[in-house]
Amino acid sequence: MNKATGIGTGIICAAILWSCGKSDEEKPPRAFHLETMKIEGVVNAPSYHHVDPAPVIALRFSEPVDPAMLEANITLRQATGEAIQLIFTLNQPSLLIEPADPLEAFTAYQLEIRNGLRALSGNQILTGKVYPVTTGLDPSDKFPRIPDEELLTLVQRQTFRYFWEFAHPVSGMARERTTSGNTVTTGGTGFGVMAMIVATERAFITREEALLQVQKIVSFLEQKATRYHGAFAHWIHGETGATIPFSTYDNGADLVETALLFQGLLTARQYFDRSTAAENILREGITRLWKAVEWDWFRKENEPVLYWHWSPLYGWQMNMPIAGWNESLIAYVLAASSPTHPITREVYEQGWARNGTMVNNGTYYGYRLPLGPALGGPLFFAHYSFLGIRPKGLRDRYADYWEQNRNHSLINYRHCVDNPDNYYGYSDHCWGLTASDGDQGYNAHSPVNDRGVIAPTAALSSMPYTPEESMRALRFFYYKLGDRLWTDYGFADAFNLSEGWFDNQQIAINQGPIILMIENYRSALLWNLLMNDPDVQAGLAKLDFQWT
């Protein structure tokens, strides 16, 4: 060590020893500063999320604050810049801040503490701070409470308006979604036809009005809509009947959508059973359409499986066999039920059941799942084929279908209650994962593909399987989220409370099951109708189903 270095080091060491030896009273005071900020138990976070819309913000400063400086230097503003009126309560050196009126739910704000804030001593905060604050759920009721039975009727009536007031004016068919214009949907129209039967029985419309509308749909399908070996496309132009491609190669027949359509039409054939000229004409038209579907042709050169798509331009290029377990059991039941172009039981066994490999029998959350993927998949698997096919008492060598659908629903429910991904808002009254819109786009949400998106149709359409759990969800959706979800056509399609996102659209294939499965829970109306169709009974028997 040279001499200069030694002298310098000695001076530094002496300075440190002098400083360490000083008492606390001799140290220079720190500048006036904010010591803690707390909202709902969260302390000194860079931002605050899902805050109660009536928050209490607790600040503690290093010394007493000058009250005259508060209003000008502590502000809470919306993203638009609008200032929120605040109430300040001082208990020096602590300060409580509350908005004069509750904040908007699921809304972003900024709390700013400016560097003009001073203490009573005159000391000034040297550095201002800005804290993003996002509110969460407003727990107050948005509508007056009514008896549960009235609420069920209200939901059915309001949701039915989608299929009645928003039906395509030329074809009478259901539009794909609320932004679809001339694009109507085949499967959704089947749901809409069944919804008209419910609406008639609930006296939302008259039998004559329903008959005219269903006849309009049947006439359009028979006279204008393009058919492919008797089957229809997924999407159809509501004025011309031309096929609207669902994707590049999916521009022809969609056998599953066709099956969902005929689930509705055959239910209507059973319902409109009077010996009047108009009802006779309707039943005859439905029967002509029904007999024209070449279900067996969709085996693609006699393979022992049904294929989902066929295109006049691309043939079988989609190459998607209809194999279980998913939403498509109805396609095999109706294919076996056809009086003109039926499939054999072998096609069901090898194609749909995959020689038994669709069986699961795993246990999730304590519930045995007879069929399908782990944790059940999206909940529409338990809905679409069972709008008319009654699962209670239905069984074959692979499953008891009531156990399948009830346990699938309970697994979905329990996953949301357990909430392994910690999404905001999930609970025993906010649950239900299925295919729906989402803040990241349309997706088949499920316990293994959980993105925080809840779709009302998932829990509500499970009403027959999980009545208590579904009713809790209905009350929550309507009373607690109704200001964001409830619309002229029933509930919006989906929401994500973690992101503060609420859809502004409805989709036919999600609205329909709400009406229909609530009705099956209440009266078994649709189950009783379709299960008494002689063709359907023959098809179930051919596939070796037992039912009561």
Protein backbone atom coordinates (compact mmCIF):
# COMPACT_ATOMS: atom_id res chain seq x y z
CA MET A 1 0.00 0.00 0.00
CA ASN A 2 1.43 3.40 -0.94
CA LYS A 3 1.33 6.37 1.38
CA ALA A 4 -1.53 8.22 -0.38
CA THR A 5 -3.74 5.15 -0.35
CA GLY A 6 -3.09 4.55 3.35
CA ILE A 7 -4.04 8.13 4.29
CA GLY A 8 -7.26 7.99 2.24
CA THR A 9 -8.32 4.69 3.75
CA GLY A 10 -7.71 6.02 7.25
CA ILE A 11 -9.92 9.05 6.64
CA ILE A 12 -12.78 6.84 5.33
CA CYS A 13 -12.55 4.46 8.31
CA ALA A 14 -12.56 7.36 10.73
CA ALA A 15 -15.65 8.82 9.09
CA ILE A 16 -17.49 5.49 9.32
CA LEU A 17 -16.60 5.08 12.98
CA TRP A 18 -17.78 8.63 13.74
CA SER A 19 -21.08 8.03 11.97
CA CYS A 20 -21.69 4.65 13.66
CA GLY A 21 -20.91 6.12 17.01
CA LYS A 22 -23.57 8.86 16.77
CA SER A 23 -26.85 8.35 18.63
CA ASP A 24 -30.19 8.26 16.76
CA GLU A 25 -30.88 11.82 17.95
CA GLU A 26 -27.71 13.05 16.27
CA LYS A 27 -28.53 11.53 12.81
CA PRO A 28 -29.99 13.90 10.19
CA PRO A 29 -33.76 13.36 9.78
CA ARG A 30 -35.06 11.54 6.67
CA ALA A 31 -37.13 13.56 4.21
CA PHE A 32 -40.90 13.56 4.64
CA HIS A 33 -42.16 10.36 2.95
CA LEU A 34 -44.96 7.84 2.67
CA GLU A 35 -44.16 4.83 4.85
CA THR A 36 -47.04 2.49 4.00
CA MET A 37 -50.02 2.27 1.69
CA LYS A 38 -52.60 -0.42 2.34
CA ILE A 39 -55.78 -1.44 0.52
CA GLU A 40 -57.74 -4.47 1.76
CA GLY A 41 -54.73 -5.91 3.57
CA VAL A 42 -52.29 -5.49 0.68
CA VAL A 43 -49.37 -3.28 1.75
CA ASN A 44 -47.00 -1.27 -0.42
CA ALA A 45 -47.83 -3.00 -3.69
CA PRO A 46 -46.91 -1.30 -6.98
CA SER A 47 -50.56 -1.72 -8.08
CA TYR A 48 -53.86 -2.93 -6.59
CA HIS A 49 -56.29 -5.20 -8.40
CA HIS A 50 -59.87 -6.40 -7.81
CA VAL A 51 -60.41 -3.80 -5.12
CA ASP A 52 -63.83 -3.37 -3.54
CA PRO A 53 -65.66 -0.52 -5.33
CA ALA A 54 -66.04 1.17 -1.93
CA PRO A 55 -62.40 0.93 -0.82
CA VAL A 56 -60.71 2.31 2.26
CA ILE A 57 -57.18 3.39 1.37
CA ALA A 58 -54.88 3.65 4.39
CA LEU A 59 -51.73 5.77 4.18
CA ARG A 60 -49.13 6.32 6.89
CA PHE A 61 -46.57 9.10 6.59
CA SER A 62 -43.29 9.64 8.37
CA GLU A 63 -44.67 12.72 10.14
CA PRO A 64 -47.97 14.60 10.46
CA VAL A 65 -49.44 15.87 7.18
CA ASP A 66 -50.65 19.40 6.52
CA PRO A 67 -54.44 18.95 6.05
CA ALA A 68 -54.63 21.97 3.78
CA MET A 69 -52.43 20.19 1.24
CA LEU A 70 -54.47 16.97 0.88
CA GLU A 71 -57.13 17.79 -1.69
CA ALA A 72 -54.77 19.37 -4.18
CA ASN A 73 -52.07 16.73 -3.91
CA ILE A 74 -53.83 13.38 -3.46
CA THR A 75 -56.19 12.48 -6.31
CA LEU A 76 -57.99 9.43 -7.67
CA ARG A 77 -58.86 9.53 -11.35
CA GLN A 78 -60.43 7.29 -13.96
CA ALA A 79 -58.53 6.47 -17.14
CA THR A 80 -60.52 9.28 -18.79
CA GLY A 81 -58.94 11.76 -16.36
CA GLU A 82 -62.15 12.41 -14.45
CA ALA A 83 -61.39 13.11 -10.77
CA ILE A 84 -63.23 11.19 -8.05
CA GLN A 85 -64.44 13.12 -5.00
CA LEU A 86 -62.59 11.83 -1.93
CA ILE A 87 -63.18 11.90 1.80
CA PHE A 88 -60.03 12.34 3.93
CA THR A 89 -59.87 11.25 7.57
CA LEU A 90 -56.66 12.20 9.41
CA ASN A 91 -55.32 10.44 12.51
CA GLN A 92 -51.82 11.82 12.32
CA PRO A 93 -49.56 10.64 10.84
CA SER A 94 -52.07 8.23 9.31
CA LEU A 95 -54.64 9.09 6.66
CA LEU A 96 -57.73 7.21 5.49
CA ILE A 97 -59.09 7.94 2.00
CA GLU A 98 -62.54 6.87 0.80
CA PRO A 99 -64.43 7.79 -2.38
CA ALA A 100 -67.53 9.86 -1.65
CA ASP A 101 -69.53 7.45 -3.84
CA PRO A 102 -68.77 3.85 -4.76
CA LEU A 103 -66.46 3.42 -7.72
CA GLU A 104 -67.46 1.65 -10.91
CA ALA A 105 -66.88 -2.10 -10.77
CA PHE A 106 -64.15 -3.61 -12.98
CA THR A 107 -62.75 -0.17 -13.80
CA ALA A 108 -59.18 1.17 -13.83
CA TYR A 109 -58.21 4.18 -11.69
CA GLN A 110 -54.99 5.92 -10.70
CA LEU A 111 -54.21 7.14 -7.19
CA GLU A 112 -51.62 9.93 -7.35
CA ILE A 113 -49.66 11.44 -4.47
CA ARG A 114 -47.98 14.56 -5.82
CA ASN A 115 -44.65 15.91 -4.67
CA GLY A 116 -46.39 19.12 -3.59
CA LEU A 117 -47.68 17.37 -0.46
CA ARG A 118 -46.17 18.82 2.73
CA ALA A 119 -45.93 17.90 6.38
CA LEU A 120 -46.95 20.27 9.18
CA SER A 121 -43.23 20.85 9.70
CA GLY A 122 -43.03 22.27 6.19
CA ASN A 123 -41.10 19.33 4.84
CA GLN A 124 -42.15 18.38 1.32
CA ILE A 125 -42.42 14.91 -0.23
CA LEU A 126 -39.58 14.80 -2.72
CA THR A 127 -40.94 12.16 -5.08
CA GLY A 128 -44.58 11.76 -6.09
CA LYS A 129 -46.11 8.33 -6.65
CA VAL A 130 -48.83 6.88 -8.90
CA TYR A 131 -50.61 3.66 -7.99
CA PRO A 132 -52.84 1.86 -10.53
CA VAL A 133 -56.02 0.69 -8.79
CA THR A 134 -58.52 -1.62 -10.52
CA THR A 135 -61.85 -2.36 -8.92
CA GLY A 136 -63.47 -5.78 -8.80
CA LEU A 137 -66.98 -7.04 -8.20
CA ASP A 138 -69.67 -4.77 -6.82
CA PRO A 139 -71.49 -7.21 -4.49
CA SER A 140 -74.77 -5.33 -4.43
CA ASP A 141 -77.88 -6.71 -6.16
CA LYS A 142 -78.49 -5.12 -9.55
CA PHE A 143 -82.15 -6.17 -9.77
CA PRO A 144 -84.88 -6.76 -7.17
CA ARG A 145 -85.05 -10.30 -5.81
CA ILE A 146 -87.83 -12.50 -7.16
CA PRO A 147 -88.77 -16.15 -6.47
CA ASP A 148 -86.52 -18.68 -8.19
CA GLU A 149 -89.35 -20.02 -10.35
CA GLU A 150 -90.05 -16.52 -11.66
CA LEU A 151 -86.35 -16.05 -12.34
CA LEU A 152 -86.21 -19.27 -14.35
CA THR A 153 -89.18 -18.13 -16.42
CA LEU A 154 -87.65 -14.70 -16.92
CA VAL A 155 -84.39 -16.21 -18.18
CA GLN A 156 -86.21 -18.53 -20.57
CA ARG A 157 -88.44 -15.74 -21.90
CA GLN A 158 -85.63 -13.22 -22.37
CA THR A 159 -83.25 -15.73 -23.95
CA PHE A 160 -86.00 -16.93 -26.29
CA ARG A 161 -86.07 -13.47 -27.85
CA TYR A 162 -82.78 -14.36 -29.53
CA PHE A 163 -84.55 -17.06 -31.56
CA TRP A 164 -87.76 -15.11 -32.07
CA GLU A 165 -87.10 -11.40 -32.49
CA PHE A 166 -83.57 -11.88 -33.84
CA ALA A 167 -84.41 -14.79 -36.16
CA HIS A 168 -83.52 -14.21 -39.80
CA PRO A 169 -86.56 -12.50 -41.39
CA VAL A 170 -86.49 -14.56 -44.61
CA SER A 171 -85.58 -18.05 -43.48
CA GLY A 172 -86.72 -17.88 -39.88
CA MET A 173 -83.46 -19.65 -38.96
CA ALA A 174 -81.24 -18.67 -36.05
CA ARG A 175 -78.38 -16.31 -36.75
CA GLU A 176 -74.97 -17.62 -35.72
CA ARG A 177 -74.40 -14.74 -33.29
CA THR A 178 -75.64 -11.21 -32.71
CA THR A 179 -73.26 -9.80 -35.34
CA SER A 180 -73.89 -12.39 -38.04
CA GLY A 181 -76.24 -10.61 -40.45
CA ASN A 182 -77.26 -13.15 -43.10
CA THR A 183 -75.24 -16.03 -41.62
CA VAL A 184 -77.60 -18.54 -40.05
CA THR A 185 -76.60 -21.68 -38.23
CA THR A 186 -77.94 -25.17 -38.80
CA GLY A 187 -77.47 -26.65 -35.32
CA GLY A 188 -78.51 -23.42 -33.62
CA THR A 189 -81.70 -23.48 -35.68
CA GLY A 190 -82.48 -26.94 -34.30
CA PHE A 191 -82.13 -25.43 -30.83
CA GLY A 192 -84.34 -22.54 -31.87
CA VAL A 193 -87.12 -24.85 -33.08
CA MET A 194 -87.11 -26.58 -29.69
CA ALA A 195 -87.11 -23.19 -27.97
CA MET A 196 -90.32 -22.31 -29.82
CA ILE A 197 -91.96 -25.39 -28.33
CA VAL A 198 -90.90 -24.28 -24.85
CA ALA A 199 -92.14 -20.75 -25.58
CA THR A 200 -95.51 -22.13 -26.64
CA GLU A 201 -95.89 -24.19 -23.47
CA ARG A 202 -94.80 -21.22 -21.34
CA ALA A 203 -97.24 -18.94 -23.20
CA PHE A 204 -94.56 -16.58 -24.49
CA ILE A 205 -96.08 -17.09 -27.97
CA THR A 206 -99.13 -18.92 -29.28
CA ARG A 207 -99.13 -22.38 -30.83
CA GLU A 208 -100.19 -20.80 -34.13
CA GLU A 209 -97.26 -18.37 -34.08
CA ALA A 210 -94.80 -21.16 -33.37
CA LEU A 211 -96.30 -23.34 -36.10
CA LEU A 212 -95.95 -20.59 -38.70
CA GLN A 213 -92.33 -19.93 -37.80
CA VAL A 214 -91.30 -23.58 -37.80
CA GLN A 215 -93.08 -24.00 -41.13
CA LYS A 216 -91.13 -21.04 -42.53
CA ILE A 217 -87.88 -22.76 -41.50
CA VAL A 218 -88.90 -26.14 -42.93
CA SER A 219 -90.03 -24.61 -46.23
CA PHE A 220 -86.76 -22.70 -46.54
CA LEU A 221 -84.71 -25.82 -45.81
CA GLU A 222 -86.64 -27.85 -48.34
CA GLN A 223 -86.94 -25.30 -51.13
CA LYS A 224 -83.88 -23.01 -50.87
CA ALA A 225 -81.09 -24.40 -48.70
CA THR A 226 -78.35 -26.36 -50.43
CA ARG A 227 -78.17 -29.99 -49.39
CA TYR A 228 -75.41 -32.55 -49.76
CA HIS A 229 -76.77 -36.09 -49.78
CA GLY A 230 -79.57 -34.70 -47.68
CA ALA A 231 -77.31 -33.03 -45.10
CA PHE A 232 -76.87 -29.31 -44.56
CA ALA A 233 -73.87 -27.04 -44.15
CA HIS A 234 -72.83 -25.56 -40.81
CA TRP A 235 -73.57 -22.02 -42.02
CA ILE A 236 -76.23 -21.04 -44.56
CA HIS A 237 -77.08 -17.71 -46.16
CA GLY A 238 -80.37 -16.73 -44.57
CA GLU A 239 -81.82 -15.21 -47.77
CA THR A 240 -80.52 -17.40 -50.57
CA GLY A 241 -79.95 -20.77 -48.89
CA ALA A 242 -76.41 -20.96 -50.28
CA THR A 243 -73.65 -22.48 -48.19
CA ILE A 244 -71.39 -20.06 -46.35
CA PRO A 245 -68.01 -21.78 -45.80
CA PHE A 246 -67.14 -22.41 -42.17
CA SER A 247 -63.49 -22.77 -43.22
CA THR A 248 -61.61 -23.34 -46.47
CA TYR A 249 -62.37 -27.05 -46.78
CA ASP A 250 -65.55 -27.02 -44.69
CA ASN A 251 -67.82 -25.66 -47.41
CA GLY A 252 -70.28 -28.50 -47.74
CA ALA A 253 -72.09 -30.95 -45.49
CA ASP A 254 -71.73 -30.89 -41.71
CA LEU A 255 -73.29 -34.07 -40.35
CA VAL A 256 -73.16 -33.09 -36.66
CA GLU A 257 -74.86 -29.75 -37.33
CA THR A 258 -77.43 -31.64 -39.40
CA ALA A 259 -78.04 -33.99 -36.46
CA LEU A 260 -78.54 -31.07 -34.09
CA LEU A 261 -81.02 -29.58 -36.56
CA PHE A 262 -83.01 -32.80 -36.81
CA GLN A 263 -83.02 -33.24 -33.05
CA GLY A 264 -85.13 -30.08 -33.11
CA LEU A 265 -87.22 -30.93 -36.17
CA LEU A 266 -88.16 -34.40 -34.93
CA THR A 267 -89.12 -32.90 -31.58
CA ALA A 268 -91.37 -30.48 -33.46
CA ARG A 269 -92.85 -33.35 -35.46
CA GLN A 270 -93.84 -34.96 -32.18
CA TYR A 271 -95.17 -31.73 -30.68
CA PHE A 272 -97.31 -30.54 -33.58
CA ASP A 273 -99.42 -33.68 -33.59
CA ARG A 274 -102.89 -32.30 -34.25
CA SER A 275 -104.94 -33.41 -37.24
CA THR A 276 -105.18 -29.96 -38.77
CA ALA A 277 -104.17 -29.10 -42.31
CA ALA A 278 -101.32 -26.84 -41.13
CA GLU A 279 -99.86 -29.32 -38.65
CA ASN A 280 -100.19 -32.17 -41.14
CA ILE A 281 -98.26 -30.15 -43.73
CA LEU A 282 -95.53 -29.39 -41.20
CA ARG A 283 -95.07 -33.01 -40.14
CA GLU A 284 -94.98 -34.14 -43.78
CA GLY A 285 -92.32 -31.56 -44.63
CA ILE A 286 -90.15 -32.57 -41.68
CA THR A 287 -90.51 -36.22 -42.65
CA ARG A 288 -89.43 -35.55 -46.25
CA LEU A 289 -86.32 -33.73 -45.03
CA TRP A 290 -85.63 -36.48 -42.49
CA LYS A 291 -85.88 -39.30 -44.99
CA ALA A 292 -83.61 -37.50 -47.46
CA VAL A 293 -80.54 -37.49 -45.21
CA GLU A 294 -78.15 -40.21 -46.39
CA TRP A 295 -76.58 -40.96 -43.03
CA ASP A 296 -74.95 -44.17 -44.23
CA TRP A 297 -73.29 -42.37 -47.16
CA PHE A 298 -71.21 -40.39 -44.67
CA ARG A 299 -69.25 -43.53 -43.88
CA LYS A 300 -66.77 -42.49 -46.58
CA GLU A 301 -66.68 -45.58 -48.79
CA ASN A 302 -68.30 -47.84 -46.21
CA GLU A 303 -65.83 -47.39 -43.37
CA PRO A 304 -67.28 -48.36 -39.96
CA VAL A 305 -67.42 -44.72 -38.79
CA LEU A 306 -69.35 -41.58 -39.68
CA TYR A 307 -67.45 -38.60 -41.04
CA TRP A 308 -68.23 -35.07 -39.94
CA HIS A 309 -67.73 -33.19 -43.25
CA TRP A 310 -67.98 -33.59 -46.98
CA SER A 311 -67.39 -30.92 -49.62
CA PRO A 312 -68.37 -30.98 -53.32
CA LEU A 313 -65.03 -29.28 -54.08
CA TYR A 314 -62.70 -31.00 -51.60
CA GLY A 315 -64.44 -34.29 -50.92
CA TRP A 316 -63.40 -35.82 -47.59
CA GLN A 317 -60.36 -33.58 -47.17
CA MET A 318 -61.46 -32.41 -43.70
CA ASN A 319 -61.01 -36.08 -42.75
CA MET A 320 -62.66 -35.81 -39.35
CA PRO A 321 -64.30 -39.01 -38.12
CA ILE A 322 -67.08 -38.52 -35.58
CA ALA A 323 -65.60 -40.47 -32.68
CA GLY A 324 -66.56 -40.38 -29.01
CA TRP A 325 -66.65 -39.02 -26.45
CA ASN A 326 -67.80 -35.48 -27.30
CA GLU A 327 -71.04 -33.65 -28.16
CA SER A 328 -71.92 -35.84 -31.15
CA LEU A 329 -73.75 -38.87 -29.77
CA ILE A 330 -76.93 -37.48 -31.37
CA ALA A 331 -75.44 -38.03 -34.84
CA TYR A 332 -75.12 -41.79 -34.25
CA VAL A 333 -78.52 -42.09 -32.59
CA LEU A 334 -80.25 -40.34 -35.50
CA ALA A 335 -78.18 -42.19 -38.09
CA ALA A 336 -79.35 -45.46 -36.53
CA SER A 337 -82.91 -44.10 -36.37
CA SER A 338 -83.18 -43.21 -40.05
CA PRO A 339 -86.02 -45.06 -41.81
CA THR A 340 -84.26 -44.75 -45.19
CA HIS A 341 -80.46 -44.56 -44.75
CA PRO A 342 -79.59 -46.13 -41.39
CA ILE A 343 -76.24 -47.21 -40.03
CA THR A 344 -75.66 -50.52 -38.28
CA ARG A 345 -74.70 -51.07 -34.67
CA GLU A 346 -71.20 -51.98 -35.91
CA VAL A 347 -70.66 -48.37 -37.02
CA TYR A 348 -71.61 -47.17 -33.56
CA GLU A 349 -69.35 -49.68 -31.83
CA GLN A 350 -66.29 -49.22 -34.03
CA GLY A 351 -66.76 -45.61 -35.05
CA TRP A 352 -68.27 -43.79 -32.10
CA ALA A 353 -67.30 -46.01 -29.16
CA ARG A 354 -63.95 -46.85 -30.78
CA ASN A 355 -64.36 -50.43 -29.62
CA GLY A 356 -64.58 -49.24 -26.05
CA THR A 357 -61.61 -46.88 -25.98
CA MET A 358 -63.86 -43.88 -25.38
CA VAL A 359 -64.26 -45.25 -21.84
CA ASN A 360 -62.49 -43.33 -19.08
CA ASN A 361 -63.70 -44.51 -15.64
CA GLY A 362 -61.19 -42.23 -13.92
CA THR A 363 -62.08 -40.41 -10.71
CA TYR A 364 -61.80 -36.63 -10.43
CA TYR A 365 -62.69 -34.66 -7.29
CA GLY A 366 -64.25 -37.88 -6.02
CA TYR A 367 -66.55 -38.37 -9.04
CA ARG A 368 -66.21 -41.29 -11.44
CA LEU A 369 -66.30 -40.23 -15.08
CA PRO A 370 -67.41 -43.13 -17.31
CA LEU A 371 -66.46 -41.59 -20.67
CA GLY A 372 -64.31 -39.03 -22.38
CA PRO A 373 -61.20 -36.98 -21.69
CA ALA A 374 -59.64 -36.28 -18.31
CA LEU A 375 -61.80 -33.96 -16.19
CA GLY A 376 -64.60 -34.23 -18.73
CA GLY A 377 -63.82 -31.59 -21.34
CA PRO A 378 -66.03 -28.55 -22.04
CA LEU A 379 -69.54 -28.81 -20.62
CA PHE A 380 -71.36 -28.66 -23.95
CA PHE A 381 -70.55 -32.37 -24.23
CA ALA A 382 -73.23 -32.89 -21.58
CA HIS A 383 -75.75 -30.62 -23.30
CA TYR A 384 -76.02 -30.72 -27.09
CA SER A 385 -76.96 -34.36 -27.60
CA PHE A 386 -79.17 -34.38 -24.53
CA LEU A 387 -81.54 -31.55 -25.35
CA GLY A 388 -83.96 -34.19 -26.61
CA ILE A 389 -82.31 -37.49 -25.69
CA ARG A 390 -83.13 -38.05 -22.03
CA PRO A 391 -79.99 -39.16 -20.15
CA LYS A 392 -81.84 -40.17 -16.99
CA GLY A 393 -82.35 -43.91 -17.17
CA LEU A 394 -80.32 -44.14 -20.40
CA ARG A 395 -77.50 -46.68 -20.47
CA ASP A 396 -75.58 -49.01 -22.72
CA ARG A 397 -72.56 -51.24 -22.28
CA TYR A 398 -70.30 -48.19 -21.93
CA ALA A 399 -72.02 -45.87 -19.50
CA ASP A 400 -74.94 -44.74 -17.44
CA TYR A 401 -75.52 -41.43 -19.20
CA TRP A 402 -77.05 -39.69 -16.21
CA GLU A 403 -73.96 -40.55 -14.18
CA GLN A 404 -71.78 -39.38 -17.08
CA ASN A 405 -73.41 -35.98 -17.43
CA ARG A 406 -74.04 -35.30 -13.76
CA ASN A 407 -70.48 -36.19 -12.78
CA HIS A 408 -69.06 -34.23 -15.70
CA SER A 409 -70.98 -31.18 -14.45
CA LEU A 410 -69.88 -31.72 -10.85
CA ILE A 411 -66.23 -32.09 -11.88
CA ASN A 412 -66.46 -28.83 -13.80
CA TYR A 413 -68.08 -27.19 -10.78
CA ARG A 414 -65.55 -28.54 -8.31
CA HIS A 415 -62.65 -27.44 -10.52
CA CYS A 416 -63.95 -23.87 -10.44
CA VAL A 417 -64.49 -23.96 -6.68
CA ASP A 418 -61.02 -25.41 -6.16
CA ASN A 419 -59.65 -22.81 -8.62
CA PRO A 420 -56.12 -24.20 -9.07
CA ASP A 421 -55.11 -21.27 -11.32
CA ASN A 422 -56.34 -18.64 -8.81
CA TYR A 423 -58.66 -16.79 -11.16
CA TYR A 424 -60.52 -13.91 -9.58
CA GLY A 425 -64.20 -14.50 -8.88
CA TYR A 426 -64.36 -18.30 -9.19
CA SER A 427 -66.53 -19.75 -6.43
CA ASP A 428 -69.43 -22.06 -5.69
CA HIS A 429 -71.72 -19.49 -7.35
CA CYS A 430 -69.46 -18.45 -10.23
CA TRP A 431 -68.52 -21.47 -12.31
CA GLY A 432 -68.92 -23.12 -15.71
CA LEU A 433 -66.34 -23.81 -18.43
CA THR A 434 -67.39 -24.60 -21.99
CA ALA A 435 -66.82 -23.48 -25.57
CA SER A 436 -67.51 -19.76 -25.72
CA ASP A 437 -66.17 -16.35 -26.54
CA GLY A 438 -63.33 -15.14 -24.34
CA ASP A 439 -61.09 -12.15 -23.86
CA GLN A 440 -58.53 -14.03 -25.99
CA GLY A 441 -61.08 -15.17 -28.59
CA TYR A 442 -63.37 -18.14 -28.99
CA ASN A 443 -62.12 -21.30 -27.31
CA ALA A 444 -63.27 -24.63 -25.88
CA HIS A 445 -62.72 -23.81 -22.21
CA SER A 446 -62.47 -26.71 -19.78
CA PRO A 447 -60.58 -27.69 -16.62
CA VAL A 448 -57.54 -28.58 -18.75
CA ASN A 449 -57.93 -25.40 -20.83
CA ASP A 450 -58.95 -22.90 -18.18
CA ARG A 451 -58.36 -19.28 -19.17
CA GLY A 452 -60.49 -17.60 -16.51
CA VAL A 453 -63.52 -17.44 -18.82
CA ILE A 454 -66.93 -18.34 -17.40
CA ALA A 455 -69.87 -18.88 -19.77
CA PRO A 456 -73.38 -18.69 -18.25
CA THR A 457 -74.58 -21.46 -20.56
CA ALA A 458 -72.23 -23.96 -18.90
CA ALA A 459 -73.80 -23.85 -15.45
CA LEU A 460 -77.33 -22.96 -16.55
CA SER A 461 -77.60 -25.73 -19.15
CA SER A 462 -76.46 -28.18 -16.47
CA MET A 463 -79.56 -27.34 -14.40
CA PRO A 464 -81.01 -30.89 -14.65
CA TYR A 465 -77.74 -32.42 -13.42
CA THR A 466 -76.72 -29.90 -10.75
CA PRO A 467 -79.86 -27.99 -9.77
CA GLU A 468 -78.53 -26.44 -6.55
CA GLU A 469 -75.15 -25.49 -7.98
CA SER A 470 -76.70 -24.16 -11.20
CA MET A 471 -79.33 -22.16 -9.35
CA ARG A 472 -76.64 -20.49 -7.24
CA ALA A 473 -74.83 -19.58 -10.45
CA LEU A 474 -78.01 -18.18 -11.99
CA ARG A 475 -78.64 -15.94 -8.98
CA PHE A 476 -75.05 -14.69 -9.14
CA PHE A 477 -75.10 -14.02 -12.88
CA TYR A 478 -78.40 -12.16 -12.67
CA TYR A 479 -78.30 -10.32 -9.36
CA LYS A 480 -74.57 -9.61 -8.97
CA LEU A 481 -73.39 -9.32 -12.59
CA GLY A 482 -76.65 -8.36 -14.24
CA ASP A 483 -75.56 -4.82 -14.98
CA ARG A 484 -72.79 -6.27 -17.17
CA LEU A 485 -74.29 -9.56 -18.40
CA TRP A 486 -78.05 -9.20 -18.74
CA THR A 487 -79.24 -8.03 -22.17
CA ASP A 488 -82.31 -8.00 -24.42
CA TYR A 489 -81.47 -11.57 -25.48
CA GLY A 490 -80.59 -12.99 -22.07
CA PHE A 491 -77.08 -13.33 -20.72
CA ALA A 492 -74.04 -12.28 -22.74
CA ASP A 493 -72.01 -15.24 -23.89
CA ALA A 494 -69.12 -15.13 -21.42
CA PHE A 495 -66.99 -13.07 -19.05
CA ASN A 496 -63.57 -13.05 -17.39
CA LEU A 497 -63.59 -11.36 -13.98
CA SER A 498 -59.80 -11.60 -13.67
CA GLU A 499 -59.49 -9.34 -16.71
CA GLY A 500 -62.65 -7.30 -16.09
CA TRP A 501 -63.90 -8.48 -19.51
CA PHE A 502 -67.56 -8.99 -20.42
CA ASP A 503 -68.75 -10.15 -23.82
CA ASN A 504 -71.20 -7.99 -25.76
CA GLN A 505 -72.57 -10.79 -27.94
CA GLN A 506 -74.70 -13.92 -27.83
CA ILE A 507 -74.17 -17.16 -29.78
CA ALA A 508 -77.10 -19.35 -30.85
CA ILE A 509 -75.57 -22.66 -29.79
CA ASN A 510 -74.98 -21.32 -26.27
CA GLN A 511 -78.28 -19.47 -25.83
CA GLY A 512 -80.43 -22.39 -26.95
CA PRO A 513 -79.36 -24.95 -24.33
CA ILE A 514 -80.11 -22.46 -21.55
CA ILE A 515 -83.79 -22.39 -22.47
CA LEU A 516 -84.05 -26.08 -23.27
CA MET A 517 -82.20 -27.62 -20.35
CA ILE A 518 -83.93 -25.35 -17.86
CA GLU A 519 -87.19 -26.65 -19.31
CA ASN A 520 -86.05 -30.25 -19.11
CA TYR A 521 -85.22 -29.58 -15.45
CA ARG A 522 -88.63 -28.05 -14.85
CA SER A 523 -90.90 -30.35 -16.88
CA ALA A 524 -88.87 -32.82 -18.98
CA LEU A 525 -90.92 -31.48 -21.92
CA LEU A 526 -88.35 -31.94 -24.68
CA TRP A 527 -87.07 -35.25 -23.35
CA ASN A 528 -90.60 -36.62 -23.26
CA LEU A 529 -91.27 -35.51 -26.83
CA LEU A 530 -88.21 -36.84 -28.61
CA MET A 531 -87.96 -40.05 -26.58
CA ASN A 532 -91.49 -40.92 -27.74
CA ASP A 533 -90.59 -40.59 -31.43
CA PRO A 534 -90.92 -44.10 -32.94
CA ASP A 535 -87.91 -43.65 -35.22
CA VAL A 536 -85.71 -42.52 -32.34
CA GLN A 537 -86.87 -45.41 -30.18
CA ALA A 538 -86.00 -47.84 -32.99
CA GLY A 539 -82.54 -46.28 -33.35
CA LEU A 540 -81.77 -46.46 -29.65
CA ALA A 541 -82.88 -50.09 -29.57
CA LYS A 542 -80.70 -50.92 -32.58
CA LEU A 543 -77.68 -49.49 -30.76
CA ASP A 544 -78.54 -51.59 -27.72
CA PHE A 545 -79.45 -48.71 -25.43
CA GLN A 546 -81.76 -49.28 -22.51
CA TRP A 547 -83.92 -46.46 -21.21
CA THR A 548 -86.80 -45.80 -18.87
